[in-house]
PDB file of N, CA and C in Angstrom:
ATOM      1  N   MET A   1      10.500  -5.013 -12.564  1.00  0.00           N
ATOM      2  CA  MET A   1      10.143  -3.628 -12.728  1.00  0.00           C
ATOM      3  C   MET A   1      11.075  -2.956 -13.734  1.00  0.00           C
ATOM      4  N   TRP A   2      12.360  -3.246 -13.678  1.00  0.00           N
ATOM      5  CA  TRP A   2      13.314  -2.566 -14.558  1.00  0.00           C
ATOM      6  C   TRP A   2      12.987  -2.814 -16.029  1.00  0.00           C
ATOM      7  N   ALA A   3      12.726  -4.044 -16.386  1.00  0.00           N
ATOM      8  CA  ALA A   3      12.445  -4.371 -17.779  1.00  0.00           C
ATOM      9  C   ALA A   3      11.173  -3.677 -18.252  1.00  0.00           C
ATOM     10  N   ALA A   4      10.155  -3.645 -17.426  1.00  0.00           N
ATOM     11  CA  ALA A   4       8.895  -3.022 -17.806  1.00  0.00           C
ATOM     12  C   ALA A   4       9.023  -1.504 -17.901  1.00  0.00           C
ATOM     13  N   ALA A   5       9.711  -0.891 -16.961  1.00  0.00           N
ATOM     14  CA  ALA A   5       9.805   0.563 -16.918  1.00  0.00           C
ATOM     15  C   ALA A   5      10.812   1.127 -17.917  1.00  0.00           C
ATOM     16  N   TRP A   6      11.854   0.374 -18.217  1.00  0.00           N
ATOM     17  CA  TRP A   6      12.924   0.875 -19.086  1.00  0.00           C
ATOM     18  C   TRP A   6      12.952   0.185 -20.442  1.00  0.00           C
ATOM     19  N   GLY A   7      11.812  -0.272 -20.888  1.00  0.00           N
ATOM     20  CA  GLY A   7      11.716  -0.813 -22.240  1.00  0.00           C
ATOM     21  C   GLY A   7      12.524  -2.064 -22.495  1.00  0.00           C
ATOM     22  N   GLY A   8      12.519  -2.996 -21.561  1.00  0.00           N
ATOM     23  CA  GLY A   8      13.187  -4.264 -21.773  1.00  0.00           C
ATOM     24  C   GLY A   8      14.624  -4.309 -21.316  1.00  0.00           C
ATOM     25  N   LYS A   9      15.163  -3.201 -20.854  1.00  0.00           N
ATOM     26  CA  LYS A   9      16.536  -3.200 -20.355  1.00  0.00           C
ATOM     27  C   LYS A   9      16.536  -3.703 -18.918  1.00  0.00           C
ATOM     28  N   ASP A  10      17.154  -4.825 -18.690  1.00  0.00           N
ATOM     29  CA  ASP A  10      17.204  -5.418 -17.355  1.00  0.00           C
ATOM     30  C   ASP A  10      18.576  -5.141 -16.762  1.00  0.00           C
ATOM     31  N   GLY A  11      18.659  -4.179 -15.838  1.00  0.00           N
ATOM     32  CA  GLY A  11      19.940  -3.773 -15.287  1.00  0.00           C
ATOM     33  C   GLY A  11      20.281  -4.414 -13.960  1.00  0.00           C
ATOM     34  N   ARG A  12      19.705  -5.566 -13.654  1.00  0.00           N
ATOM     35  CA  ARG A  12      19.947  -6.180 -12.342  1.00  0.00           C
ATOM     36  C   ARG A  12      21.421  -6.428 -12.073  1.00  0.00           C
ATOM     37  N   ARG A  13      22.189  -6.796 -13.074  1.00  0.00           N
ATOM     38  CA  ARG A  13      23.599  -7.108 -12.846  1.00  0.00           C
ATOM     39  C   ARG A  13      24.415  -5.877 -12.484  1.00  0.00           C
ATOM     40  N   ALA A  14      24.000  -4.698 -12.907  1.00  0.00           N
ATOM     41  CA  ALA A  14      24.746  -3.469 -12.640  1.00  0.00           C
ATOM     42  C   ALA A  14      24.414  -2.853 -11.286  1.00  0.00           C
ATOM     43  N   TRP A  15      23.283  -3.202 -10.705  1.00  0.00           N
ATOM     44  CA  TRP A  15      22.817  -2.503  -9.505  1.00  0.00           C
ATOM     45  C   TRP A  15      23.694  -2.662  -8.270  1.00  0.00           C
ATOM     46  N   PRO A  16      24.289  -3.790  -7.989  1.00  0.00           N
ATOM     47  CA  PRO A  16      25.131  -3.849  -6.776  1.00  0.00           C
ATOM     48  C   PRO A  16      26.229  -2.781  -6.765  1.00  0.00           C
ATOM     49  N   GLY A  17      26.877  -2.544  -7.877  1.00  0.00           N
ATOM     50  CA  GLY A  17      27.911  -1.516  -7.948  1.00  0.00           C
ATOM     51  C   GLY A  17      27.351  -0.113  -7.812  1.00  0.00           C
ATOM     52  N   VAL A  18      26.205   0.129  -8.433  1.00  0.00           N
ATOM     53  CA  VAL A  18      25.562   1.440  -8.348  1.00  0.00           C
ATOM     54  C   VAL A  18      25.164   1.728  -6.907  1.00  0.00           C
ATOM     55  N   LEU A  19      24.498   0.797  -6.283  1.00  0.00           N
ATOM     56  CA  LEU A  19      24.015   1.016  -4.923  1.00  0.00           C
ATOM     57  C   LEU A  19      25.150   1.120  -3.910  1.00  0.00           C
ATOM     58  N   ALA A  20      26.257   0.453  -4.169  1.00  0.00           N
ATOM     59  CA  ALA A  20      27.408   0.544  -3.262  1.00  0.00           C
ATOM     60  C   ALA A  20      27.972   1.959  -3.230  1.00  0.00           C
ATOM     61  N   ARG A  21      27.777   2.730  -4.304  1.00  0.00           N
ATOM     62  CA  ARG A  21      28.298   4.099  -4.368  1.00  0.00           C
ATOM     63  C   ARG A  21      27.216   5.144  -4.117  1.00  0.00           C
ATOM     64  N   SER A  22      26.042   4.735  -3.723  1.00  0.00           N
ATOM     65  CA  SER A  22      24.938   5.656  -3.477  1.00  0.00           C
ATOM     66  C   SER A  22      24.924   6.093  -2.018  1.00  0.00           C
ATOM     67  N   LEU A  23      24.387   7.283  -1.799  1.00  0.00           N
ATOM     68  CA  LEU A  23      24.186   7.744  -0.430  1.00  0.00           C
ATOM     69  C   LEU A  23      23.057   6.941   0.205  1.00  0.00           C
ATOM     70  N   THR A  24      21.982   6.787  -0.543  1.00  0.00           N
ATOM     71  CA  THR A  24      20.840   5.974  -0.120  1.00  0.00           C
ATOM     72  C   THR A  24      19.930   5.790  -1.330  1.00  0.00           C
ATOM     73  N   TRP A  25      18.830   5.128  -1.140  1.00  0.00           N
ATOM     74  CA  TRP A  25      17.811   4.994  -2.170  1.00  0.00           C
ATOM     75  C   TRP A  25      16.480   4.817  -1.473  1.00  0.00           C
ATOM     76  N   VAL A  26      15.415   5.108  -2.200  1.00  0.00           N
ATOM     77  CA  VAL A  26      14.059   5.017  -1.658  1.00  0.00           C
ATOM     78  C   VAL A  26      13.259   4.142  -2.612  1.00  0.00           C
ATOM     79  N   THR A  27      12.461   3.258  -2.055  1.00  0.00           N
ATOM     80  CA  THR A  27      11.639   2.369  -2.868  1.00  0.00           C
ATOM     81  C   THR A  27      10.169   2.471  -2.476  1.00  0.00           C
ATOM     82  N   ALA A  28       9.324   2.089  -3.395  1.00  0.00           N
ATOM     83  CA  ALA A  28       7.885   1.989  -3.150  1.00  0.00           C
ATOM     84  C   ALA A  28       7.478   0.550  -3.448  1.00  0.00           C
ATOM     85  N   HIS A  29       6.539   0.044  -2.673  1.00  0.00           N
ATOM     86  CA  HIS A  29       6.104  -1.346  -2.826  1.00  0.00           C
ATOM     87  C   HIS A  29       4.589  -1.452  -2.748  1.00  0.00           C
ATOM     88  N   ASP A  30       4.076  -2.437  -3.407  1.00  0.00           N
ATOM     89  CA  ASP A  30       2.695  -2.881  -3.245  1.00  0.00           C
ATOM     90  C   ASP A  30       2.816  -4.293  -2.705  1.00  0.00           C
ATOM     91  N   GLY A  31       2.716  -4.421  -1.410  1.00  0.00           N
ATOM     92  CA  GLY A  31       2.998  -5.707  -0.772  1.00  0.00           C
ATOM     93  C   GLY A  31       4.469  -6.029  -0.954  1.00  0.00           C
ATOM     94  N   GLU A  32       4.771  -7.156  -1.574  1.00  0.00           N
ATOM     95  CA  GLU A  32       6.148  -7.576  -1.827  1.00  0.00           C
ATOM     96  C   GLU A  32       6.668  -7.096  -3.187  1.00  0.00           C
ATOM     97  N   THR A  33       5.808  -6.453  -3.973  1.00  0.00           N
ATOM     98  CA  THR A  33       6.167  -6.056  -5.327  1.00  0.00           C
ATOM     99  C   THR A  33       6.797  -4.665  -5.345  1.00  0.00           C
ATOM    100  N   LEU A  34       7.991  -4.559  -5.922  1.00  0.00           N
ATOM    101  CA  LEU A  34       8.649  -3.271  -6.099  1.00  0.00           C
ATOM    102  C   LEU A  34       7.907  -2.494  -7.176  1.00  0.00           C
ATOM    103  N   THR A  35       7.430  -1.295  -6.826  1.00  0.00           N
ATOM    104  CA  THR A  35       6.674  -0.490  -7.781  1.00  0.00           C
ATOM    105  C   THR A  35       7.385   0.805  -8.164  1.00  0.00           C
ATOM    106  N   GLY A  36       8.341   1.249  -7.340  1.00  0.00           N
ATOM    107  CA  GLY A  36       9.046   2.486  -7.633  1.00  0.00           C
ATOM    108  C   GLY A  36      10.402   2.528  -6.966  1.00  0.00           C
ATOM    109  N   PHE A  37      11.288   3.359  -7.516  1.00  0.00           N
ATOM    110  CA  PHE A  37      12.665   3.434  -7.023  1.00  0.00           C
ATOM    111  C   PHE A  37      13.244   4.798  -7.380  1.00  0.00           C
ATOM    112  N   VAL A  38      14.042   5.351  -6.492  1.00  0.00           N
ATOM    113  CA  VAL A  38      14.855   6.530  -6.803  1.00  0.00           C
ATOM    114  C   VAL A  38      16.184   6.385  -6.063  1.00  0.00           C
ATOM    115  N   ASN A  39      17.261   6.667  -6.765  1.00  0.00           N
ATOM    116  CA  ASN A  39      18.614   6.542  -6.232  1.00  0.00           C
ATOM    117  C   ASN A  39      19.109   7.927  -5.827  1.00  0.00           C
ATOM    118  N   VAL A  40      19.664   8.044  -4.625  1.00  0.00           N
ATOM    119  CA  VAL A  40      20.281   9.291  -4.182  1.00  0.00           C
ATOM    120  C   VAL A  40      21.787   9.115  -4.342  1.00  0.00           C
ATOM    121  N   ALA A  41      22.312   9.650  -5.436  1.00  0.00           N
ATOM    122  CA  ALA A  41      23.747   9.580  -5.706  1.00  0.00           C
ATOM    123  C   ALA A  41      24.445  10.688  -4.928  1.00  0.00           C
ATOM    124  N   TRP A  42      25.755  10.536  -4.745  1.00  0.00           N
ATOM    125  CA  TRP A  42      26.497  11.443  -3.880  1.00  0.00           C
ATOM    126  C   TRP A  42      27.896  11.625  -4.423  1.00  0.00           C
ATOM    127  N   ASP A  43      28.426  12.820  -4.297  1.00  0.00           N
ATOM    128  CA  ASP A  43      29.780  13.073  -4.765  1.00  0.00           C
ATOM    129  C   ASP A  43      30.820  12.824  -3.679  1.00  0.00           C
ATOM    130  N   GLY A  44      30.387  12.360  -2.515  1.00  0.00           N
ATOM    131  CA  GLY A  44      31.304  12.115  -1.408  1.00  0.00           C
ATOM    132  C   GLY A  44      31.549  13.350  -0.564  1.00  0.00           C
ATOM    133  N   GLY A  45      30.971  14.448  -0.956  1.00  0.00           N
ATOM    134  CA  GLY A  45      31.146  15.710  -0.237  1.00  0.00           C
ATOM    135  C   GLY A  45      29.806  16.321   0.119  1.00  0.00           C
ATOM    136  N   ALA A  46      29.569  17.494  -0.415  1.00  0.00           N
ATOM    137  CA  ALA A  46      28.375  18.263  -0.049  1.00  0.00           C
ATOM    138  C   ALA A  46      27.205  18.079  -1.004  1.00  0.00           C
ATOM    139  N   HIS A  47      27.388  17.387  -2.120  1.00  0.00           N
ATOM    140  CA  HIS A  47      26.355  17.341  -3.140  1.00  0.00           C
ATOM    141  C   HIS A  47      25.760  15.953  -3.310  1.00  0.00           C
ATOM    142  N   ALA A  48      24.444  15.929  -3.321  1.00  0.00           N
ATOM    143  CA  ALA A  48      23.705  14.697  -3.622  1.00  0.00           C
ATOM    144  C   ALA A  48      22.672  15.048  -4.687  1.00  0.00           C
ATOM    145  N   PHE A  49      22.298  14.067  -5.472  1.00  0.00           N
ATOM    146  CA  PHE A  49      21.321  14.303  -6.523  1.00  0.00           C
ATOM    147  C   PHE A  49      20.572  13.012  -6.797  1.00  0.00           C
ATOM    148  N   LEU A  50      19.411  13.147  -7.403  1.00  0.00           N
ATOM    149  CA  LEU A  50      18.543  12.004  -7.650  1.00  0.00           C
ATOM    150  C   LEU A  50      18.770  11.459  -9.055  1.00  0.00           C
ATOM    151  N   LEU A  51      18.863  10.141  -9.142  1.00  0.00           N
ATOM    152  CA  LEU A  51      19.030   9.444 -10.414  1.00  0.00           C
ATOM    153  C   LEU A  51      18.088   8.252 -10.478  1.00  0.00           C
ATOM    154  N   ASP A  52      17.845   7.790 -11.665  1.00  0.00           N
ATOM    155  CA  ASP A  52      17.145   6.524 -11.901  1.00  0.00           C
ATOM    156  C   ASP A  52      15.737   6.491 -11.318  1.00  0.00           C
ATOM    157  N   THR A  53      15.073   7.632 -11.236  1.00  0.00           N
ATOM    158  CA  THR A  53      13.701   7.629 -10.739  1.00  0.00           C
ATOM    159  C   THR A  53      12.848   6.791 -11.686  1.00  0.00           C
ATOM    160  N   THR A  54      12.241   5.748 -11.140  1.00  0.00           N
ATOM    161  CA  THR A  54      11.529   4.773 -11.950  1.00  0.00           C
ATOM    162  C   THR A  54      10.248   4.352 -11.254  1.00  0.00           C
ATOM    163  N   VAL A  55       9.167   4.305 -11.999  1.00  0.00           N
ATOM    164  CA  VAL A  55       7.900   3.756 -11.498  1.00  0.00           C
ATOM    165  C   VAL A  55       7.437   2.730 -12.525  1.00  0.00           C
ATOM    166  N   HIS A  56       7.100   1.547 -12.054  1.00  0.00           N
ATOM    167  CA  HIS A  56       6.587   0.502 -12.938  1.00  0.00           C
ATOM    168  C   HIS A  56       5.389   1.050 -13.702  1.00  0.00           C
ATOM    169  N   PRO A  57       5.287   0.781 -14.993  1.00  0.00           N
ATOM    170  CA  PRO A  57       4.185   1.324 -15.794  1.00  0.00           C
ATOM    171  C   PRO A  57       2.793   1.051 -15.219  1.00  0.00           C
ATOM    172  N   VAL A  58       2.601  -0.074 -14.579  1.00  0.00           N
ATOM    173  CA  VAL A  58       1.283  -0.390 -14.001  1.00  0.00           C
ATOM    174  C   VAL A  58       0.915   0.593 -12.894  1.00  0.00           C
ATOM    175  N   TRP A  59       1.903   1.136 -12.203  1.00  0.00           N
ATOM    176  CA  TRP A  59       1.652   2.039 -11.077  1.00  0.00           C
ATOM    177  C   TRP A  59       1.890   3.507 -11.432  1.00  0.00           C
ATOM    178  N   GLN A  60       2.201   3.809 -12.687  1.00  0.00           N
ATOM    179  CA  GLN A  60       2.400   5.202 -13.076  1.00  0.00           C
ATOM    180  C   GLN A  60       1.087   5.966 -13.040  1.00  0.00           C
ATOM    181  N   ARG A  61       1.208   7.260 -12.876  1.00  0.00           N
ATOM    182  CA  ARG A  61       0.060   8.183 -12.812  1.00  0.00           C
ATOM    183  C   ARG A  61      -0.831   7.927 -11.600  1.00  0.00           C
ATOM    184  N   ARG A  62      -0.223   7.407 -10.544  1.00  0.00           N
ATOM    185  CA  ARG A  62      -0.946   7.176  -9.288  1.00  0.00           C
ATOM    186  C   ARG A  62      -0.277   7.901  -8.130  1.00  0.00           C
ATOM    187  N   GLY A  63       0.706   8.750  -8.421  1.00  0.00           N
ATOM    188  CA  GLY A  63       1.365   9.525  -7.381  1.00  0.00           C
ATOM    189  C   GLY A  63       2.573   8.857  -6.751  1.00  0.00           C
ATOM    190  N   VAL A  64       2.994   7.706  -7.274  1.00  0.00           N
ATOM    191  CA  VAL A  64       4.136   6.998  -6.693  1.00  0.00           C
ATOM    192  C   VAL A  64       5.400   7.851  -6.805  1.00  0.00           C
ATOM    193  N   GLY A  65       5.699   8.346  -7.990  1.00  0.00           N
ATOM    194  CA  GLY A  65       6.874   9.198  -8.179  1.00  0.00           C
ATOM    195  C   GLY A  65       6.766  10.492  -7.401  1.00  0.00           C
ATOM    196  N   ARG A  66       5.569  11.015  -7.307  1.00  0.00           N
ATOM    197  CA  ARG A  66       5.335  12.255  -6.561  1.00  0.00           C
ATOM    198  C   ARG A  66       5.659  12.086  -5.081  1.00  0.00           C
ATOM    199  N   GLU A  67       5.523  10.891  -4.576  1.00  0.00           N
ATOM    200  CA  GLU A  67       5.889  10.601  -3.189  1.00  0.00           C
ATOM    201  C   GLU A  67       7.362  10.226  -3.056  1.00  0.00           C
ATOM    202  N   LEU A  68       7.887   9.496  -4.032  1.00  0.00           N
ATOM    203  CA  LEU A  68       9.285   9.043  -3.973  1.00  0.00           C
ATOM    204  C   LEU A  68      10.275  10.198  -3.978  1.00  0.00           C
ATOM    205  N   VAL A  69      10.107  11.121  -4.902  1.00  0.00           N
ATOM    206  CA  VAL A  69      11.101  12.180  -5.081  1.00  0.00           C
ATOM    207  C   VAL A  69      11.240  13.059  -3.840  1.00  0.00           C
ATOM    208  N   PRO A  70      10.161  13.606  -3.276  1.00  0.00           N
ATOM    209  CA  PRO A  70      10.341  14.412  -2.062  1.00  0.00           C
ATOM    210  C   PRO A  70      10.882  13.592  -0.888  1.00  0.00           C
ATOM    211  N   SER A  71      10.486  12.341  -0.813  1.00  0.00           N
ATOM    212  CA  SER A  71      10.999  11.477   0.247  1.00  0.00           C
ATOM    213  C   SER A  71      12.502  11.317   0.122  1.00  0.00           C
ATOM    214  N   ALA A  72      12.975  11.072  -1.100  1.00  0.00           N
ATOM    215  CA  ALA A  72      14.413  10.914  -1.326  1.00  0.00           C
ATOM    216  C   ALA A  72      15.168  12.204  -1.090  1.00  0.00           C
ATOM    217  N   ALA A  73      14.544  13.335  -1.408  1.00  0.00           N
ATOM    218  CA  ALA A  73      15.184  14.631  -1.225  1.00  0.00           C
ATOM    219  C   ALA A  73      15.109  15.114   0.217  1.00  0.00           C
ATOM    220  N   GLY A  74      14.321  14.425   1.040  1.00  0.00           N
ATOM    221  CA  GLY A  74      14.164  14.852   2.429  1.00  0.00           C
ATOM    222  C   GLY A  74      13.284  16.068   2.563  1.00  0.00           C
ATOM    223  N   VAL A  75      12.387  16.272   1.595  1.00  0.00           N
ATOM    224  CA  VAL A  75      11.516  17.430   1.585  1.00  0.00           C
ATOM    225  C   VAL A  75      10.094  16.980   1.899  1.00  0.00           C
ATOM    226  N   ARG A  76       9.440  17.706   2.762  1.00  0.00           N
ATOM    227  CA  ARG A  76       8.040  17.400   3.043  1.00  0.00           C
ATOM    228  C   ARG A  76       7.161  18.148   2.052  1.00  0.00           C
ATOM    229  N   GLN A  77       6.165  17.455   1.528  1.00  0.00           N
ATOM    230  CA  GLN A  77       5.253  18.078   0.593  1.00  0.00           C
ATOM    231  C   GLN A  77       4.149  18.779   1.350  1.00  0.00           C
ATOM    232  N   ARG A  78       3.713  19.908   0.812  1.00  0.00           N
ATOM    233  CA  ARG A  78       2.503  20.553   1.322  1.00  0.00           C
ATOM    234  C   ARG A  78       1.315  19.882   0.668  1.00  0.00           C
ATOM    235  N   ARG A  79       0.288  19.657   1.423  1.00  0.00           N
ATOM    236  CA  ARG A  79      -0.914  19.023   0.866  1.00  0.00           C
ATOM    237  C   ARG A  79      -2.054  19.975   0.879  1.00  0.00           C
TER     238      ARG A  79
END
């Protein structure tokens, strides 16, 4: 997913360090396939923010990101 979504940049080697310093992260899947990701970064105190929101190009424009972001923020969407 990373290479497809980020134009060939494969960041798999960097992710263990990134995730070790994250508050949490949220993923989307189609079966076993990772289709979306958002990282909830944290300053260790009162502030958290979203980084690296990514949806595989095949699954873009299908509402995956629209579901990921509120889920990661802990916000319920009105429908």
